[in-house]
Amino acid sequence: MTHSGFAVSKGRPPCLYTSKSFLELAKAKDTVIKNVVTIGYISPRRMKLVAVDLYDEVTKKYEPLGDFYADVVTGSLYVPTTGECMSSDQISLVRG
């Protein structure tokens, strides 16, 4: 199976921080600005909608995880329909 180029490791926080895909994300030109809300403030962040795969380090296989907004600076992933951050319940996308 060919994977999307963006992957997170099974059993680790779902964030692009350790993979080479994060380096590709940092170079992305086709990004959008989304507002992120956390305790006490809202800040604009550069995001890219990407297809993300789940990588199993034991079996060495990828499986599709879904489409997520990825923060170009931090690698944090957000569910497009709900704004939920996949790695923290203290942060989310502003919906609307």
N, C-alpha and C. Protein backbone atom coordinates (compact mmCIF):
# COMPACT_ATOMS: atom_id res chain seq x y z
N MET A 1 0.83 -1.19 0.00
CA MET A 1 0.00 0.00 0.00
C MET A 1 0.88 1.24 0.00
N THR A 2 0.56 2.20 -0.85
CA THR A 2 1.25 3.47 -0.89
C THR A 2 0.63 4.39 0.15
N HIS A 3 1.48 5.09 0.89
CA HIS A 3 0.91 5.98 1.89
C HIS A 3 0.95 7.42 1.41
N SER A 4 0.23 8.28 2.11
CA SER A 4 -0.01 9.66 1.69
C SER A 4 1.22 10.55 1.75
N GLY A 5 2.24 10.17 2.49
CA GLY A 5 3.39 11.02 2.70
C GLY A 5 3.35 11.72 4.05
N PHE A 6 2.18 11.74 4.68
CA PHE A 6 2.03 12.29 6.02
C PHE A 6 1.58 11.16 6.92
N ALA A 7 2.33 10.90 7.99
CA ALA A 7 2.01 9.76 8.85
C ALA A 7 2.29 10.06 10.31
N VAL A 8 1.53 9.38 11.17
CA VAL A 8 1.77 9.39 12.61
C VAL A 8 2.03 7.96 13.03
N SER A 9 2.75 7.78 14.11
CA SER A 9 3.08 6.43 14.58
C SER A 9 2.04 5.92 15.56
N LYS A 10 1.65 4.68 15.38
CA LYS A 10 0.70 4.04 16.27
C LYS A 10 1.25 4.01 17.69
N GLY A 11 0.42 4.37 18.67
CA GLY A 11 0.83 4.34 20.07
C GLY A 11 1.50 5.63 20.54
N ARG A 12 1.66 6.60 19.65
CA ARG A 12 2.26 7.89 20.01
C ARG A 12 1.23 8.98 19.79
N PRO A 13 1.41 10.15 20.40
CA PRO A 13 0.45 11.24 20.15
C PRO A 13 0.35 11.53 18.66
N PRO A 14 -0.87 11.67 18.15
CA PRO A 14 -1.05 11.89 16.71
C PRO A 14 -0.65 13.31 16.30
N CYS A 15 0.64 13.45 15.99
CA CYS A 15 1.22 14.73 15.62
C CYS A 15 2.32 14.45 14.61
N LEU A 16 2.58 15.34 13.69
CA LEU A 16 3.59 15.11 12.66
C LEU A 16 5.01 15.48 13.09
N TYR A 17 5.25 15.63 14.37
CA TYR A 17 6.52 16.16 14.86
C TYR A 17 7.75 15.30 14.60
N THR A 18 7.65 14.01 14.37
CA THR A 18 8.85 13.20 14.25
C THR A 18 9.11 12.67 12.85
N SER A 19 8.22 12.90 11.93
CA SER A 19 8.39 12.29 10.62
C SER A 19 8.91 13.28 9.60
N LYS A 20 9.48 12.75 8.53
CA LYS A 20 9.97 13.63 7.48
C LYS A 20 8.82 14.39 6.84
N SER A 21 7.61 13.88 7.00
CA SER A 21 6.45 14.58 6.45
C SER A 21 6.30 15.97 7.07
N PHE A 22 6.75 16.13 8.31
CA PHE A 22 6.68 17.44 8.95
C PHE A 22 7.57 18.43 8.22
N LEU A 23 8.71 17.99 7.75
CA LEU A 23 9.61 18.87 7.01
C LEU A 23 8.95 19.31 5.70
N GLU A 24 8.25 18.40 5.05
CA GLU A 24 7.52 18.74 3.82
C GLU A 24 6.40 19.74 4.13
N LEU A 25 5.74 19.54 5.23
CA LEU A 25 4.65 20.43 5.63
C LEU A 25 5.17 21.85 5.84
N ALA A 26 6.33 21.99 6.42
CA ALA A 26 6.90 23.31 6.69
C ALA A 26 7.18 24.08 5.40
N LYS A 27 7.38 23.38 4.29
CA LYS A 27 7.63 24.02 3.00
C LYS A 27 6.35 24.30 2.22
N ALA A 28 5.21 23.88 2.73
CA ALA A 28 3.94 23.96 2.01
C ALA A 28 3.60 25.39 1.61
N LYS A 29 3.18 25.53 0.37
CA LYS A 29 2.77 26.84 -0.15
C LYS A 29 1.26 27.00 -0.11
N ASP A 30 0.52 25.94 -0.32
CA ASP A 30 -0.94 26.00 -0.41
C ASP A 30 -1.58 25.81 0.97
N THR A 31 -1.39 26.81 1.82
CA THR A 31 -1.90 26.75 3.19
C THR A 31 -3.05 27.74 3.37
N VAL A 32 -3.78 27.57 4.46
CA VAL A 32 -4.86 28.48 4.83
C VAL A 32 -4.60 28.95 6.26
N ILE A 33 -5.20 30.06 6.61
CA ILE A 33 -5.09 30.56 7.99
C ILE A 33 -6.35 30.13 8.74
N LYS A 34 -6.14 29.43 9.85
CA LYS A 34 -7.22 29.02 10.74
C LYS A 34 -6.91 29.56 12.13
N ASN A 35 -7.95 29.93 12.87
CA ASN A 35 -7.77 30.40 14.24
C ASN A 35 -7.79 29.22 15.20
N VAL A 36 -6.83 29.22 16.10
CA VAL A 36 -6.72 28.19 17.13
C VAL A 36 -7.04 28.83 18.47
N VAL A 37 -7.89 28.16 19.25
CA VAL A 37 -8.24 28.68 20.57
C VAL A 37 -7.65 27.77 21.63
N THR A 38 -7.06 28.39 22.63
CA THR A 38 -6.53 27.67 23.78
C THR A 38 -6.92 28.48 25.02
N ILE A 39 -6.55 28.02 26.16
CA ILE A 39 -6.93 28.72 27.39
C ILE A 39 -6.39 30.16 27.35
N GLY A 40 -7.30 31.11 27.29
CA GLY A 40 -6.92 32.50 27.38
C GLY A 40 -6.69 33.27 26.10
N TYR A 41 -6.53 32.60 24.96
CA TYR A 41 -6.30 33.38 23.75
C TYR A 41 -6.67 32.62 22.48
N ILE A 42 -6.82 33.40 21.41
CA ILE A 42 -7.05 32.87 20.07
C ILE A 42 -5.91 33.38 19.20
N SER A 43 -5.32 32.50 18.39
CA SER A 43 -4.24 32.95 17.52
C SER A 43 -4.40 32.35 16.12
N PRO A 44 -4.06 33.13 15.09
CA PRO A 44 -4.11 32.62 13.72
C PRO A 44 -2.92 31.70 13.47
N ARG A 45 -3.16 30.59 12.77
CA ARG A 45 -2.09 29.64 12.47
C ARG A 45 -2.19 29.22 11.02
N ARG A 46 -1.05 28.99 10.41
CA ARG A 46 -1.00 28.47 9.04
C ARG A 46 -1.25 26.98 9.07
N MET A 47 -2.21 26.51 8.25
CA MET A 47 -2.60 25.10 8.22
C MET A 47 -2.63 24.59 6.79
N LYS A 48 -2.51 23.28 6.69
CA LYS A 48 -2.66 22.59 5.40
C LYS A 48 -3.53 21.37 5.64
N LEU A 49 -4.52 21.18 4.77
CA LEU A 49 -5.37 19.99 4.84
C LEU A 49 -4.61 18.85 4.17
N VAL A 50 -4.35 17.78 4.95
CA VAL A 50 -3.56 16.66 4.43
C VAL A 50 -4.22 15.32 4.78
N ALA A 51 -3.96 14.34 3.93
CA ALA A 51 -4.36 12.97 4.22
C ALA A 51 -3.27 12.37 5.10
N VAL A 52 -3.65 11.79 6.23
CA VAL A 52 -2.70 11.25 7.20
C VAL A 52 -2.89 9.74 7.31
N ASP A 53 -1.79 9.03 7.40
CA ASP A 53 -1.81 7.59 7.60
C ASP A 53 -1.30 7.25 9.00
N LEU A 54 -1.71 6.10 9.48
CA LEU A 54 -1.23 5.57 10.76
C LEU A 54 -0.18 4.52 10.44
N TYR A 55 1.01 4.69 10.98
CA TYR A 55 2.11 3.76 10.74
C TYR A 55 2.30 2.87 11.95
N ASP A 56 2.30 1.56 11.71
CA ASP A 56 2.52 0.58 12.76
C ASP A 56 3.99 0.16 12.70
N GLU A 57 4.76 0.55 13.72
CA GLU A 57 6.19 0.26 13.74
C GLU A 57 6.50 -1.23 13.87
N VAL A 58 5.54 -2.01 14.39
CA VAL A 58 5.74 -3.45 14.55
C VAL A 58 5.57 -4.16 13.21
N THR A 59 4.47 -3.89 12.54
CA THR A 59 4.19 -4.56 11.27
C THR A 59 4.80 -3.85 10.07
N LYS A 60 5.26 -2.62 10.26
CA LYS A 60 5.83 -1.79 9.20
C LYS A 60 4.82 -1.49 8.10
N LYS A 61 3.55 -1.33 8.50
CA LYS A 61 2.48 -1.07 7.53
C LYS A 61 1.79 0.25 7.85
N TYR A 62 1.25 0.84 6.78
CA TYR A 62 0.47 2.07 6.89
C TYR A 62 -1.00 1.76 6.65
N GLU A 63 -1.88 2.50 7.32
CA GLU A 63 -3.30 2.43 7.02
C GLU A 63 -3.86 3.85 7.07
N PRO A 64 -4.80 4.17 6.20
CA PRO A 64 -5.35 5.53 6.18
C PRO A 64 -6.01 5.89 7.51
N LEU A 65 -5.71 7.08 8.00
CA LEU A 65 -6.30 7.58 9.23
C LEU A 65 -7.39 8.61 8.92
N GLY A 66 -7.18 9.42 7.89
CA GLY A 66 -8.17 10.41 7.48
C GLY A 66 -7.52 11.72 7.09
N ASP A 67 -8.37 12.70 6.78
CA ASP A 67 -7.92 14.04 6.43
C ASP A 67 -7.94 14.93 7.66
N PHE A 68 -6.87 15.70 7.84
CA PHE A 68 -6.74 16.57 8.99
C PHE A 68 -6.10 17.89 8.57
N TYR A 69 -6.44 18.96 9.29
CA TYR A 69 -5.68 20.18 9.16
C TYR A 69 -4.42 19.99 9.99
N ALA A 70 -3.27 20.25 9.38
CA ALA A 70 -1.99 20.14 10.09
C ALA A 70 -1.41 21.54 10.27
N ASP A 71 -1.05 21.87 11.50
CA ASP A 71 -0.41 23.14 11.80
C ASP A 71 1.00 23.10 11.21
N VAL A 72 1.31 24.04 10.34
CA VAL A 72 2.59 24.05 9.65
C VAL A 72 3.77 24.26 10.60
N VAL A 73 3.55 24.94 11.72
CA VAL A 73 4.63 25.22 12.67
C VAL A 73 4.82 24.09 13.68
N THR A 74 3.71 23.57 14.23
CA THR A 74 3.82 22.59 15.32
C THR A 74 3.62 21.14 14.89
N GLY A 75 2.96 20.92 13.75
CA GLY A 75 2.63 19.56 13.33
C GLY A 75 1.38 19.01 13.99
N SER A 76 0.71 19.81 14.82
CA SER A 76 -0.53 19.37 15.46
C SER A 76 -1.60 19.11 14.41
N LEU A 77 -2.42 18.09 14.65
CA LEU A 77 -3.48 17.71 13.72
C LEU A 77 -4.84 18.04 14.30
N TYR A 78 -5.74 18.55 13.43
CA TYR A 78 -7.08 18.95 13.84
C TYR A 78 -8.11 18.30 12.93
N VAL A 79 -9.20 17.82 13.52
CA VAL A 79 -10.30 17.23 12.76
C VAL A 79 -11.05 18.36 12.06
N PRO A 80 -11.15 18.33 10.72
CA PRO A 80 -11.79 19.44 10.00
C PRO A 80 -13.24 19.69 10.38
N THR A 81 -14.00 18.66 10.66
CA THR A 81 -15.43 18.82 10.93
C THR A 81 -15.74 19.32 12.33
N THR A 82 -14.88 19.01 13.30
CA THR A 82 -15.16 19.38 14.69
C THR A 82 -14.18 20.40 15.26
N GLY A 83 -13.01 20.53 14.65
CA GLY A 83 -11.98 21.43 15.17
C GLY A 83 -11.15 20.82 16.29
N GLU A 84 -11.46 19.58 16.65
CA GLU A 84 -10.75 18.90 17.75
C GLU A 84 -9.27 18.72 17.42
N CYS A 85 -8.41 19.06 18.38
CA CYS A 85 -6.98 18.79 18.26
C CYS A 85 -6.74 17.35 18.67
N MET A 86 -6.00 16.62 17.88
CA MET A 86 -5.77 15.20 18.14
C MET A 86 -4.77 14.93 19.26
N SER A 87 -3.99 15.95 19.65
CA SER A 87 -2.97 15.71 20.67
C SER A 87 -3.18 16.47 21.97
N SER A 88 -4.22 17.31 22.05
CA SER A 88 -4.47 18.05 23.28
C SER A 88 -5.94 18.42 23.37
N ASP A 89 -6.52 18.26 24.56
CA ASP A 89 -7.91 18.68 24.74
C ASP A 89 -7.98 20.14 25.22
N GLN A 90 -6.85 20.82 25.29
CA GLN A 90 -6.79 22.22 25.73
C GLN A 90 -6.74 23.19 24.56
N ILE A 91 -6.81 22.67 23.33
CA ILE A 91 -6.68 23.51 22.15
C ILE A 91 -7.61 22.98 21.06
N SER A 92 -8.15 23.89 20.26
CA SER A 92 -9.02 23.47 19.15
C SER A 92 -9.07 24.57 18.10
N LEU A 93 -9.58 24.21 16.92
CA LEU A 93 -9.81 25.20 15.88
C LEU A 93 -11.10 25.94 16.19
N VAL A 94 -11.11 27.21 15.89
CA VAL A 94 -12.34 28.00 16.01
C VAL A 94 -13.21 27.60 14.83
N ARG A 95 -14.41 27.17 15.11
CA ARG A 95 -15.32 26.75 14.05
C ARG A 95 -16.18 27.92 13.61
N GLY A 96 -16.54 27.86 12.34
CA GLY A 96 -17.46 28.88 11.84
C GLY A 96 -16.93 29.70 10.74
